[in-house]
Structure formats: structure tokens, C-alpha cells
N, C-alpha and C. Protein backbone atom coordinates (compact mmCIF):
# COMPACT_ATOMS: atom_id res chain seq x y z
N MET A 1 88.54 118.21 134.23
CA MET A 1 89.10 118.73 133.04
C MET A 1 88.40 118.12 131.78
N VAL A 2 87.23 117.54 132.06
CA VAL A 2 86.53 116.86 130.98
C VAL A 2 86.18 117.82 129.87
N ALA A 3 85.91 119.08 130.17
CA ALA A 3 85.56 120.01 129.14
C ALA A 3 86.71 120.27 128.16
N GLY A 4 87.92 120.43 128.65
CA GLY A 4 89.10 120.58 127.77
C GLY A 4 89.34 119.36 126.95
N LYS A 5 89.18 118.21 127.55
CA LYS A 5 89.44 116.97 126.79
C LYS A 5 88.35 116.86 125.76
N ARG A 6 87.13 117.17 126.04
CA ARG A 6 85.98 117.12 125.05
C ARG A 6 86.31 118.05 123.91
N LEU A 7 86.86 119.30 124.17
CA LEU A 7 87.19 120.17 123.07
C LEU A 7 88.10 119.44 122.10
N PHE A 8 88.97 118.72 122.64
CA PHE A 8 89.94 118.02 121.78
C PHE A 8 89.23 116.88 120.99
N ALA A 9 88.42 116.18 121.69
CA ALA A 9 87.73 114.98 121.16
C ALA A 9 86.75 115.29 120.09
N LEU A 10 86.34 116.48 119.95
CA LEU A 10 85.19 116.77 119.01
C LEU A 10 85.59 116.78 117.58
N VAL A 11 86.87 116.80 117.29
CA VAL A 11 87.31 116.75 115.91
C VAL A 11 88.22 115.57 115.72
N VAL A 12 88.29 115.12 114.64
CA VAL A 12 89.35 114.27 114.24
C VAL A 12 88.85 113.23 113.24
N VAL A 13 89.80 112.77 112.50
CA VAL A 13 89.41 112.34 111.26
C VAL A 13 90.33 111.34 110.61
N VAL A 14 90.07 107.80 105.99
CA VAL A 14 91.18 107.19 105.32
C VAL A 14 90.82 107.26 103.84
N ALA A 15 91.79 107.97 103.37
CA ALA A 15 91.32 108.06 101.99
C ALA A 15 91.29 106.68 101.40
N ALA A 16 90.16 106.15 100.86
CA ALA A 16 90.04 104.79 100.41
C ALA A 16 90.33 104.68 98.92
N LEU A 17 91.15 103.72 98.66
CA LEU A 17 91.36 103.40 97.24
C LEU A 17 90.50 102.20 96.86
N THR A 18 89.79 102.32 95.84
CA THR A 18 88.97 101.20 95.39
C THR A 18 89.45 100.78 93.99
N GLY A 19 89.13 99.57 93.66
CA GLY A 19 89.51 99.17 92.35
C GLY A 19 89.59 97.68 92.22
N CYS A 20 89.97 97.24 91.03
CA CYS A 20 90.04 95.80 90.77
C CYS A 20 91.42 95.28 90.93
N LYS A 21 91.54 94.08 91.30
CA LYS A 21 92.86 93.46 91.47
C LYS A 21 92.89 92.25 90.44
N PRO A 22 93.95 92.29 89.64
CA PRO A 22 93.96 91.12 88.72
C PRO A 22 94.04 89.76 89.39
N ASP A 23 93.45 88.81 88.73
CA ASP A 23 93.46 87.46 89.33
C ASP A 23 94.89 86.94 89.28
N ALA A 24 95.22 86.15 90.28
CA ALA A 24 96.54 85.50 90.32
C ALA A 24 96.66 84.54 89.21
N PRO A 25 97.86 84.35 88.69
CA PRO A 25 98.00 83.35 87.62
C PRO A 25 97.81 81.94 88.16
N PRO A 26 97.49 80.95 87.28
CA PRO A 26 97.27 79.66 87.81
C PRO A 26 98.55 79.07 88.46
N LEU A 27 98.35 78.20 89.39
CA LEU A 27 99.47 77.56 90.04
C LEU A 27 100.08 76.62 89.05
N SER A 28 101.40 76.36 89.13
CA SER A 28 102.03 75.46 88.29
C SER A 28 101.48 74.07 88.57
N GLY A 29 101.34 73.28 87.51
CA GLY A 29 100.73 71.92 87.66
C GLY A 29 99.28 71.92 87.62
N SER A 30 98.60 73.08 87.50
CA SER A 30 97.15 73.11 87.44
C SER A 30 96.71 72.77 86.03
N SER A 31 95.40 72.56 85.89
CA SER A 31 94.89 72.12 84.62
C SER A 31 94.74 73.25 83.64
N ALA A 32 95.02 74.57 84.10
CA ALA A 32 94.93 75.66 83.25
C ALA A 32 96.06 75.66 82.21
N THR A 33 95.73 75.90 80.96
CA THR A 33 96.85 75.73 79.90
C THR A 33 96.89 77.02 79.15
N THR A 34 96.33 78.06 79.56
CA THR A 34 96.39 79.31 78.71
C THR A 34 97.78 79.84 78.88
N THR A 35 98.18 80.56 77.82
CA THR A 35 99.47 81.25 77.87
C THR A 35 99.30 82.69 77.86
N ALA A 36 100.34 83.45 78.24
CA ALA A 36 100.27 84.86 78.28
C ALA A 36 99.99 85.44 76.89
N ALA A 37 100.52 84.72 75.88
CA ALA A 37 100.33 85.25 74.53
C ALA A 37 98.86 85.12 74.05
N SER A 38 98.16 84.14 74.51
CA SER A 38 96.80 83.89 74.07
C SER A 38 95.82 84.74 74.96
N GLN A 39 96.22 85.32 76.01
CA GLN A 39 95.37 86.07 76.88
C GLN A 39 95.70 87.54 76.79
N PRO A 40 94.66 88.45 76.68
CA PRO A 40 94.94 89.82 76.71
C PRO A 40 95.46 90.28 78.17
N ALA A 41 96.23 91.25 78.20
CA ALA A 41 96.78 91.76 79.45
C ALA A 41 95.64 92.16 80.38
N PRO A 42 95.70 91.77 81.64
CA PRO A 42 94.59 92.25 82.55
C PRO A 42 94.61 93.70 82.60
N THR A 43 93.44 94.24 82.78
CA THR A 43 93.33 95.73 82.99
C THR A 43 93.05 95.92 84.52
N VAL A 44 93.84 96.83 85.06
CA VAL A 44 93.68 97.17 86.49
C VAL A 44 93.14 98.63 86.47
N THR A 45 92.05 98.75 87.13
CA THR A 45 91.42 100.09 87.22
C THR A 45 91.39 100.51 88.68
N ALA A 46 92.04 101.53 89.04
CA ALA A 46 92.00 101.98 90.48
C ALA A 46 91.40 103.43 90.40
N THR A 47 90.38 103.59 91.20
CA THR A 47 89.77 104.89 91.28
C THR A 47 89.95 105.46 92.71
N ALA A 48 90.60 106.62 92.78
CA ALA A 48 90.78 107.26 94.10
C ALA A 48 89.58 108.10 94.35
N ARG A 49 89.10 108.12 95.57
CA ARG A 49 88.05 109.06 95.96
C ARG A 49 88.48 109.68 97.25
N ALA A 50 88.11 110.89 97.37
CA ALA A 50 88.46 111.62 98.63
C ALA A 50 87.60 111.01 99.83
N ALA A 51 88.30 110.90 100.89
CA ALA A 51 87.52 110.36 102.07
C ALA A 51 86.62 111.45 102.62
N THR A 52 85.51 110.97 103.17
CA THR A 52 84.57 111.92 103.79
C THR A 52 85.12 112.36 105.14
N LEU A 53 84.53 113.44 105.64
CA LEU A 53 84.97 113.94 106.94
C LEU A 53 84.73 112.91 107.98
N CYS A 54 83.60 112.21 107.90
CA CYS A 54 83.24 111.20 108.86
C CYS A 54 84.36 110.06 108.82
N GLU A 55 84.77 109.67 107.63
CA GLU A 55 85.76 108.58 107.51
C GLU A 55 87.09 109.03 108.10
N LEU A 56 87.42 110.29 107.87
CA LEU A 56 88.74 110.83 108.44
C LEU A 56 88.66 110.87 109.93
N ILE A 57 87.58 111.42 110.48
CA ILE A 57 87.41 111.42 111.94
C ILE A 57 87.58 110.08 112.53
N ILE A 58 86.87 109.16 112.03
CA ILE A 58 86.87 107.79 112.54
C ILE A 58 88.23 107.11 112.38
N GLU A 59 88.83 107.27 111.19
CA GLU A 59 90.16 106.66 110.92
C GLU A 59 91.16 107.19 111.83
N ILE A 60 91.26 108.45 112.07
CA ILE A 60 92.26 109.11 112.86
C ILE A 60 92.11 108.70 114.32
N ASN A 61 90.89 108.79 114.87
CA ASN A 61 90.70 108.49 116.26
C ASN A 61 90.87 107.01 116.58
N THR A 62 90.43 106.15 115.62
CA THR A 62 90.62 104.72 115.77
C THR A 62 92.03 104.32 115.72
N SER A 63 92.74 104.88 114.79
CA SER A 63 94.15 104.56 114.60
C SER A 63 94.95 104.98 115.86
N ALA A 64 94.54 106.01 116.55
CA ALA A 64 95.22 106.51 117.79
C ALA A 64 94.76 105.71 118.94
N GLY A 65 93.76 104.87 118.84
CA GLY A 65 93.28 104.09 119.95
C GLY A 65 92.28 104.80 120.85
N TYR A 66 91.77 105.97 120.39
CA TYR A 66 90.89 106.77 121.17
C TYR A 66 89.44 106.49 120.84
N MET A 67 89.18 105.71 119.75
CA MET A 67 87.83 105.36 119.34
C MET A 67 87.81 103.92 118.98
N VAL A 68 86.77 103.23 119.37
CA VAL A 68 86.47 101.87 119.05
C VAL A 68 84.99 101.76 118.56
N ASP A 69 84.83 101.19 117.41
CA ASP A 69 83.43 100.96 116.86
C ASP A 69 82.69 102.29 116.83
N LYS A 70 83.31 103.39 116.42
CA LYS A 70 82.74 104.71 116.23
C LYS A 70 82.27 105.26 117.63
N THR A 71 82.94 104.91 118.67
CA THR A 71 82.64 105.39 120.01
C THR A 71 83.94 105.91 120.62
N TYR A 72 83.90 107.21 121.07
CA TYR A 72 85.02 107.71 121.71
C TYR A 72 85.17 107.10 123.14
N ALA A 73 86.46 106.92 123.61
CA ALA A 73 86.72 106.35 124.89
C ALA A 73 86.33 107.41 125.98
N PRO A 74 85.82 107.00 127.09
CA PRO A 74 85.48 107.92 128.12
C PRO A 74 86.75 108.46 128.74
N GLY A 75 86.60 109.71 129.24
CA GLY A 75 87.74 110.32 129.95
C GLY A 75 88.69 111.09 129.16
N GLY A 76 88.51 111.15 127.83
CA GLY A 76 89.47 111.89 126.95
C GLY A 76 90.61 111.02 126.64
N PRO A 77 91.42 111.53 125.64
CA PRO A 77 92.62 110.73 125.18
C PRO A 77 93.70 110.70 126.18
N THR A 78 94.48 109.64 126.15
CA THR A 78 95.71 109.58 126.91
C THR A 78 96.82 110.48 126.23
N ALA A 79 97.84 110.69 126.87
CA ALA A 79 98.94 111.54 126.28
C ALA A 79 99.39 110.92 124.98
N ALA A 80 99.58 109.57 124.91
CA ALA A 80 100.06 108.93 123.68
C ALA A 80 99.03 109.01 122.60
N GLN A 81 97.78 108.89 122.91
CA GLN A 81 96.67 108.96 121.95
C GLN A 81 96.60 110.42 121.44
N LEU A 82 96.67 111.36 122.29
CA LEU A 82 96.62 112.79 121.97
C LEU A 82 97.74 113.13 120.98
N GLU A 83 98.97 112.70 121.26
CA GLU A 83 100.07 112.98 120.43
C GLU A 83 99.87 112.41 119.02
N LYS A 84 99.39 111.14 118.97
CA LYS A 84 99.16 110.51 117.71
C LYS A 84 98.08 111.24 116.90
N ILE A 85 97.03 111.64 117.55
CA ILE A 85 95.88 112.28 116.89
C ILE A 85 96.42 113.64 116.33
N VAL A 86 97.14 114.37 117.11
CA VAL A 86 97.66 115.65 116.66
C VAL A 86 98.54 115.49 115.39
N ASN A 87 99.39 114.47 115.50
CA ASN A 87 100.32 114.19 114.38
C ASN A 87 99.49 113.80 113.10
N LEU A 88 98.55 112.91 113.24
CA LEU A 88 97.78 112.48 112.09
C LEU A 88 96.90 113.65 111.54
N VAL A 89 96.33 114.50 112.35
CA VAL A 89 95.52 115.60 111.88
C VAL A 89 96.46 116.54 111.08
N LEU A 90 97.60 116.81 111.61
CA LEU A 90 98.51 117.73 110.87
C LEU A 90 99.09 117.11 109.61
N LEU A 91 99.29 115.84 109.63
CA LEU A 91 99.75 115.12 108.41
C LEU A 91 98.73 115.10 107.40
N ARG A 92 97.47 115.03 107.75
CA ARG A 92 96.33 114.91 106.76
C ARG A 92 95.51 116.21 106.68
N LYS A 93 96.12 117.26 107.10
CA LYS A 93 95.38 118.57 107.15
C LYS A 93 94.70 118.93 105.80
N ASP A 94 95.33 118.72 104.69
CA ASP A 94 94.77 119.05 103.42
C ASP A 94 93.51 118.18 103.10
N GLU A 95 93.58 116.91 103.46
CA GLU A 95 92.43 115.99 103.25
C GLU A 95 91.32 116.48 104.23
N LEU A 96 91.64 116.78 105.43
CA LEU A 96 90.61 117.24 106.41
C LEU A 96 89.96 118.52 105.94
N ARG A 97 90.79 119.46 105.46
CA ARG A 97 90.23 120.76 105.00
C ARG A 97 89.23 120.49 103.87
N ALA A 98 89.74 119.68 102.89
CA ALA A 98 88.83 119.42 101.68
C ALA A 98 87.54 118.74 102.14
N ALA A 99 87.67 117.76 102.98
CA ALA A 99 86.44 116.94 103.39
C ALA A 99 85.48 117.87 104.21
N ALA A 100 86.06 118.80 104.99
CA ALA A 100 85.27 119.71 105.81
C ALA A 100 84.55 120.65 104.87
N GLU A 101 85.18 121.14 103.85
CA GLU A 101 84.56 122.03 102.87
C GLU A 101 83.34 121.33 102.26
N VAL A 102 83.61 120.08 101.76
CA VAL A 102 82.50 119.31 101.17
C VAL A 102 81.35 119.19 102.14
N ALA A 103 81.61 118.94 103.43
CA ALA A 103 80.66 118.81 104.47
C ALA A 103 79.97 120.11 104.92
N GLY A 104 80.48 121.23 104.33
CA GLY A 104 79.91 122.53 104.77
C GLY A 104 80.48 123.03 106.09
N LEU A 105 81.58 122.47 106.51
CA LEU A 105 82.13 122.85 107.76
C LEU A 105 83.60 123.50 107.61
N GLY A 106 83.81 124.26 106.57
CA GLY A 106 85.15 124.81 106.38
C GLY A 106 85.62 125.68 107.43
N ASP A 107 84.70 126.51 107.96
CA ASP A 107 85.19 127.48 109.05
C ASP A 107 85.49 126.68 110.26
N ILE A 108 84.90 125.61 110.51
CA ILE A 108 85.24 124.71 111.62
C ILE A 108 86.57 124.12 111.47
N SER A 109 86.87 123.69 110.24
CA SER A 109 88.17 123.03 109.90
C SER A 109 89.32 124.01 110.15
N ALA A 110 89.14 125.30 109.83
CA ALA A 110 90.20 126.25 110.04
C ALA A 110 90.48 126.39 111.54
N ALA A 111 89.42 126.44 112.33
CA ALA A 111 89.57 126.59 113.78
C ALA A 111 90.29 125.36 114.34
N GLN A 112 89.99 124.16 113.82
CA GLN A 112 90.60 122.96 114.28
C GLN A 112 92.09 122.90 113.91
N GLN A 113 92.42 123.34 112.72
CA GLN A 113 93.78 123.35 112.34
C GLN A 113 94.60 124.27 113.21
N THR A 114 94.01 125.41 113.64
CA THR A 114 94.75 126.28 114.61
C THR A 114 94.93 125.56 115.90
N PHE A 115 93.92 124.86 116.39
CA PHE A 115 93.98 124.12 117.61
C PHE A 115 95.10 123.06 117.58
N TYR A 116 95.11 122.27 116.50
CA TYR A 116 96.08 121.16 116.43
C TYR A 116 97.50 121.74 116.22
N ARG A 117 97.65 122.81 115.48
CA ARG A 117 99.02 123.41 115.29
C ARG A 117 99.47 123.90 116.62
N ALA A 118 98.57 124.51 117.38
CA ALA A 118 98.98 125.01 118.78
C ALA A 118 99.41 123.84 119.65
N MET A 119 98.71 122.71 119.56
CA MET A 119 99.08 121.59 120.33
C MET A 119 100.46 121.05 119.99
N ALA A 120 100.76 120.97 118.64
CA ALA A 120 102.03 120.47 118.20
C ALA A 120 103.13 121.47 118.60
N ASP A 121 102.88 122.72 118.49
CA ASP A 121 103.86 123.76 118.84
C ASP A 121 104.18 123.65 120.35
N ALA A 122 103.16 123.54 121.18
CA ALA A 122 103.31 123.47 122.61
C ALA A 122 104.16 122.21 122.97
N ALA A 123 103.86 121.06 122.26
CA ALA A 123 104.60 119.85 122.58
C ALA A 123 106.07 119.97 122.10
N ALA A 124 106.26 120.69 120.99
CA ALA A 124 107.69 120.85 120.55
C ALA A 124 108.52 121.62 121.56
N ASN A 125 107.86 122.56 122.31
CA ASN A 125 108.64 123.30 123.26
C ASN A 125 108.57 122.68 124.66
N ASP A 126 107.74 121.77 124.88
CA ASP A 126 107.61 121.12 126.19
C ASP A 126 107.28 119.66 126.05
N PRO A 127 108.26 118.82 126.16
CA PRO A 127 108.09 117.36 125.95
C PRO A 127 106.97 116.77 126.87
N GLY A 128 106.65 117.35 127.93
CA GLY A 128 105.61 116.82 128.84
C GLY A 128 104.27 117.40 128.54
N PHE A 129 104.10 118.22 127.46
CA PHE A 129 102.88 118.91 127.21
C PHE A 129 101.62 117.98 127.08
N TYR A 130 101.80 116.95 126.25
CA TYR A 130 100.63 116.08 126.05
C TYR A 130 100.17 115.43 127.31
N ALA A 131 101.10 114.96 128.14
CA ALA A 131 100.76 114.39 129.42
C ALA A 131 100.04 115.44 130.30
N ASP A 132 100.55 116.70 130.36
CA ASP A 132 99.89 117.73 131.13
C ASP A 132 98.55 118.01 130.61
N TYR A 133 98.35 118.12 129.31
CA TYR A 133 97.08 118.41 128.74
C TYR A 133 96.06 117.30 128.95
N ALA A 134 96.52 116.06 128.77
CA ALA A 134 95.68 114.93 128.97
C ALA A 134 95.23 114.82 130.45
N ALA A 135 96.11 115.28 131.37
CA ALA A 135 95.75 115.22 132.76
C ALA A 135 94.90 116.44 133.21
N GLY A 136 94.70 117.36 132.29
CA GLY A 136 93.88 118.51 132.62
C GLY A 136 94.64 119.61 133.36
N ASN A 137 95.96 119.63 133.21
CA ASN A 137 96.77 120.66 133.85
C ASN A 137 96.24 122.06 133.33
N PRO A 138 95.84 122.88 134.30
CA PRO A 138 95.29 124.20 133.85
C PRO A 138 96.26 125.01 132.97
N ALA A 139 97.51 125.00 133.29
CA ALA A 139 98.46 125.79 132.48
C ALA A 139 98.53 125.27 131.03
N ALA A 140 98.50 123.98 130.83
CA ALA A 140 98.48 123.34 129.52
C ALA A 140 97.25 123.68 128.78
N VAL A 141 96.08 123.63 129.39
CA VAL A 141 94.80 123.95 128.81
C VAL A 141 94.81 125.42 128.45
N GLN A 142 95.24 126.33 129.38
CA GLN A 142 95.22 127.72 129.09
C GLN A 142 96.16 128.06 127.93
N ARG A 143 97.22 127.40 127.77
CA ARG A 143 98.17 127.59 126.69
C ARG A 143 97.47 127.44 125.35
N ILE A 144 96.67 126.37 125.21
CA ILE A 144 95.95 126.15 124.01
C ILE A 144 94.79 127.17 123.86
N ALA A 145 94.11 127.45 124.94
CA ALA A 145 92.98 128.40 124.89
C ALA A 145 93.46 129.74 124.35
N ALA A 146 94.66 130.10 124.74
CA ALA A 146 95.20 131.38 124.29
C ALA A 146 95.48 131.35 122.78
N ALA A 147 95.85 130.21 122.25
CA ALA A 147 96.13 130.07 120.80
C ALA A 147 94.85 130.06 119.94
N VAL A 148 93.78 129.63 120.49
CA VAL A 148 92.57 129.57 119.68
C VAL A 148 91.80 130.85 119.60
N GLY A 149 92.17 131.77 120.44
CA GLY A 149 91.50 133.11 120.41
C GLY A 149 90.18 133.18 121.08
N ASP A 150 89.09 133.52 120.43
CA ASP A 150 87.78 133.63 120.99
C ASP A 150 87.23 132.29 121.38
N LEU A 151 87.29 132.01 122.67
CA LEU A 151 86.94 130.67 123.18
C LEU A 151 85.45 130.44 122.98
N SER A 152 84.57 131.44 123.08
CA SER A 152 83.14 131.14 122.91
C SER A 152 82.86 130.71 121.44
N ALA A 153 83.52 131.40 120.53
CA ALA A 153 83.37 131.05 119.10
C ALA A 153 83.95 129.71 118.82
N PHE A 154 85.10 129.43 119.42
CA PHE A 154 85.68 128.07 119.23
C PHE A 154 84.82 127.02 119.81
N ARG A 155 84.22 127.22 120.98
CA ARG A 155 83.38 126.26 121.60
C ARG A 155 82.10 126.00 120.78
N ALA A 156 81.56 127.06 120.19
CA ALA A 156 80.37 126.96 119.31
C ALA A 156 80.74 126.05 118.13
N LYS A 157 81.96 126.25 117.54
CA LYS A 157 82.31 125.42 116.40
C LYS A 157 82.57 123.96 116.83
N GLN A 158 83.03 123.76 118.05
CA GLN A 158 83.28 122.41 118.54
C GLN A 158 81.93 121.68 118.75
N LEU A 159 80.89 122.46 119.24
CA LEU A 159 79.61 121.85 119.50
C LEU A 159 78.93 121.53 118.14
N ALA A 160 79.14 122.34 117.14
CA ALA A 160 78.59 122.08 115.78
C ALA A 160 79.21 120.80 115.23
N LEU A 161 80.53 120.71 115.43
CA LEU A 161 81.23 119.52 114.93
C LEU A 161 80.79 118.26 115.66
N ALA A 162 80.56 118.41 116.94
CA ALA A 162 80.06 117.22 117.73
C ALA A 162 78.70 116.85 117.21
N SER A 163 77.83 117.77 116.91
CA SER A 163 76.53 117.50 116.42
C SER A 163 76.66 116.74 115.06
N TYR A 164 77.55 117.25 114.20
CA TYR A 164 77.77 116.66 112.88
C TYR A 164 78.18 115.20 113.08
N GLN A 165 79.15 114.97 113.94
CA GLN A 165 79.69 113.66 114.18
C GLN A 165 78.59 112.66 114.65
N LYS A 166 77.71 113.14 115.57
CA LYS A 166 76.63 112.28 116.03
C LYS A 166 75.62 112.03 114.92
N ALA A 167 75.14 113.11 114.27
CA ALA A 167 74.05 112.98 113.32
C ALA A 167 74.43 112.40 112.02
N THR A 168 75.60 112.81 111.47
CA THR A 168 75.98 112.38 110.16
C THR A 168 76.92 111.11 110.16
N CYS A 169 77.85 111.08 111.12
CA CYS A 169 78.75 109.97 111.13
C CYS A 169 78.36 108.84 112.01
N GLY A 170 77.34 109.09 112.90
CA GLY A 170 76.91 107.96 113.80
C GLY A 170 77.95 107.67 114.88
N ILE A 171 78.70 108.65 115.25
CA ILE A 171 79.73 108.52 116.27
C ILE A 171 79.02 108.74 117.69
N THR A 172 79.43 107.96 118.57
CA THR A 172 78.89 108.01 119.95
C THR A 172 79.97 108.61 120.85
N PHE A 173 79.50 109.56 121.73
CA PHE A 173 80.32 110.15 122.68
C PHE A 173 79.98 109.55 124.10
N PRO A 174 81.00 109.55 124.93
CA PRO A 174 80.73 108.97 126.28
C PRO A 174 79.71 109.85 127.02
N PRO A 175 79.03 109.35 128.03
CA PRO A 175 78.12 110.23 128.77
C PRO A 175 78.68 111.55 129.09
N GLY A 176 77.93 112.60 128.89
CA GLY A 176 78.42 114.01 129.09
C GLY A 176 79.13 114.59 127.93
N GLY A 177 79.27 113.83 126.85
CA GLY A 177 80.04 114.34 125.64
C GLY A 177 79.23 114.78 124.61
């Protein structure tokens, strides 16, 4: 069932906040003698930037325990990893969609959202779904295949995303991936 697991592994995806942090005030008893009145108030500047698709893929898979050092674990995700990935992808779907658009992969993002929504819906109706899918149960895999529609088009998008992950993100897939 490596092919089904690879379909899942091909996508997935931290909005980083950058900025300055004001210095801590001097410790009591230190030789610093400035007072708040003689010092201008510190300025804190925080700039939010949207995460890249690479950052999101790495963050989500690493957070779920399915990726270490930008390398996917061999054998596909466990049921627990799969559930966490699906939940994180759906939670961050707007970020993922925006990042995919910037990366020129908007059509792939739409297909992925359908895939992950189908996974969540299947799990909501069947508490053992993630375990069945992770184990390669044909009925679980077929359930998702039916939801994505044209499997050859979906597979082509998955392969394009895998190429993007390898070439642009520096992500490594296990042998055969």
C-alpha cells in the first residue's frame, strides 16, 4: 500500500513572526541607574510574513512526527501521524492555499484540500479510518480515491507536488518515494 501512503505524503505543510524584542530591564542592585522617565519607551516592531509552501509542508509533517530534518519517514505515516497531519492541514487550509498560489501550485492545493477533507469526513464517520488507511486497507484507500475523482489527474498533481518538494524545498523522500 506504499502508493496510497505516498499519495498522502506528497503534500503537507509555520507562519513565522519576526521582530525585535525589547531588552529586559536591569536587575535590581545593578549599576544601571537610568529611570523610565529619562529613557524613551522601547519600540517593538513585529512584522508578520506569510509562510512559504515549503515551510508549511515541513512544519506540518515535522509537528506530526512524520518528517525529521526535511526527510519523510519510510513506510508512510502512522494512524496518529495521519490524523494530526489531516487536522493541521485543515486548520491551516487558508495559509496553505495562499502559499500554494504564490508557489504557482494553486490547482494542486485545491486537489489537496479535497483529499484532506475526505480524510477528515471518513474519520468522523469511522473512528478506525486512520488506522485502516495507514495499514493500506483497500476499502479505506478506495473511499478516499472515490472522493478525489479523477485519479490520474490527482496522481499527476501529487507527482508535481513531490517534484516541487524535492527541488524547491530540499525535502527527501524515502527510497521509492
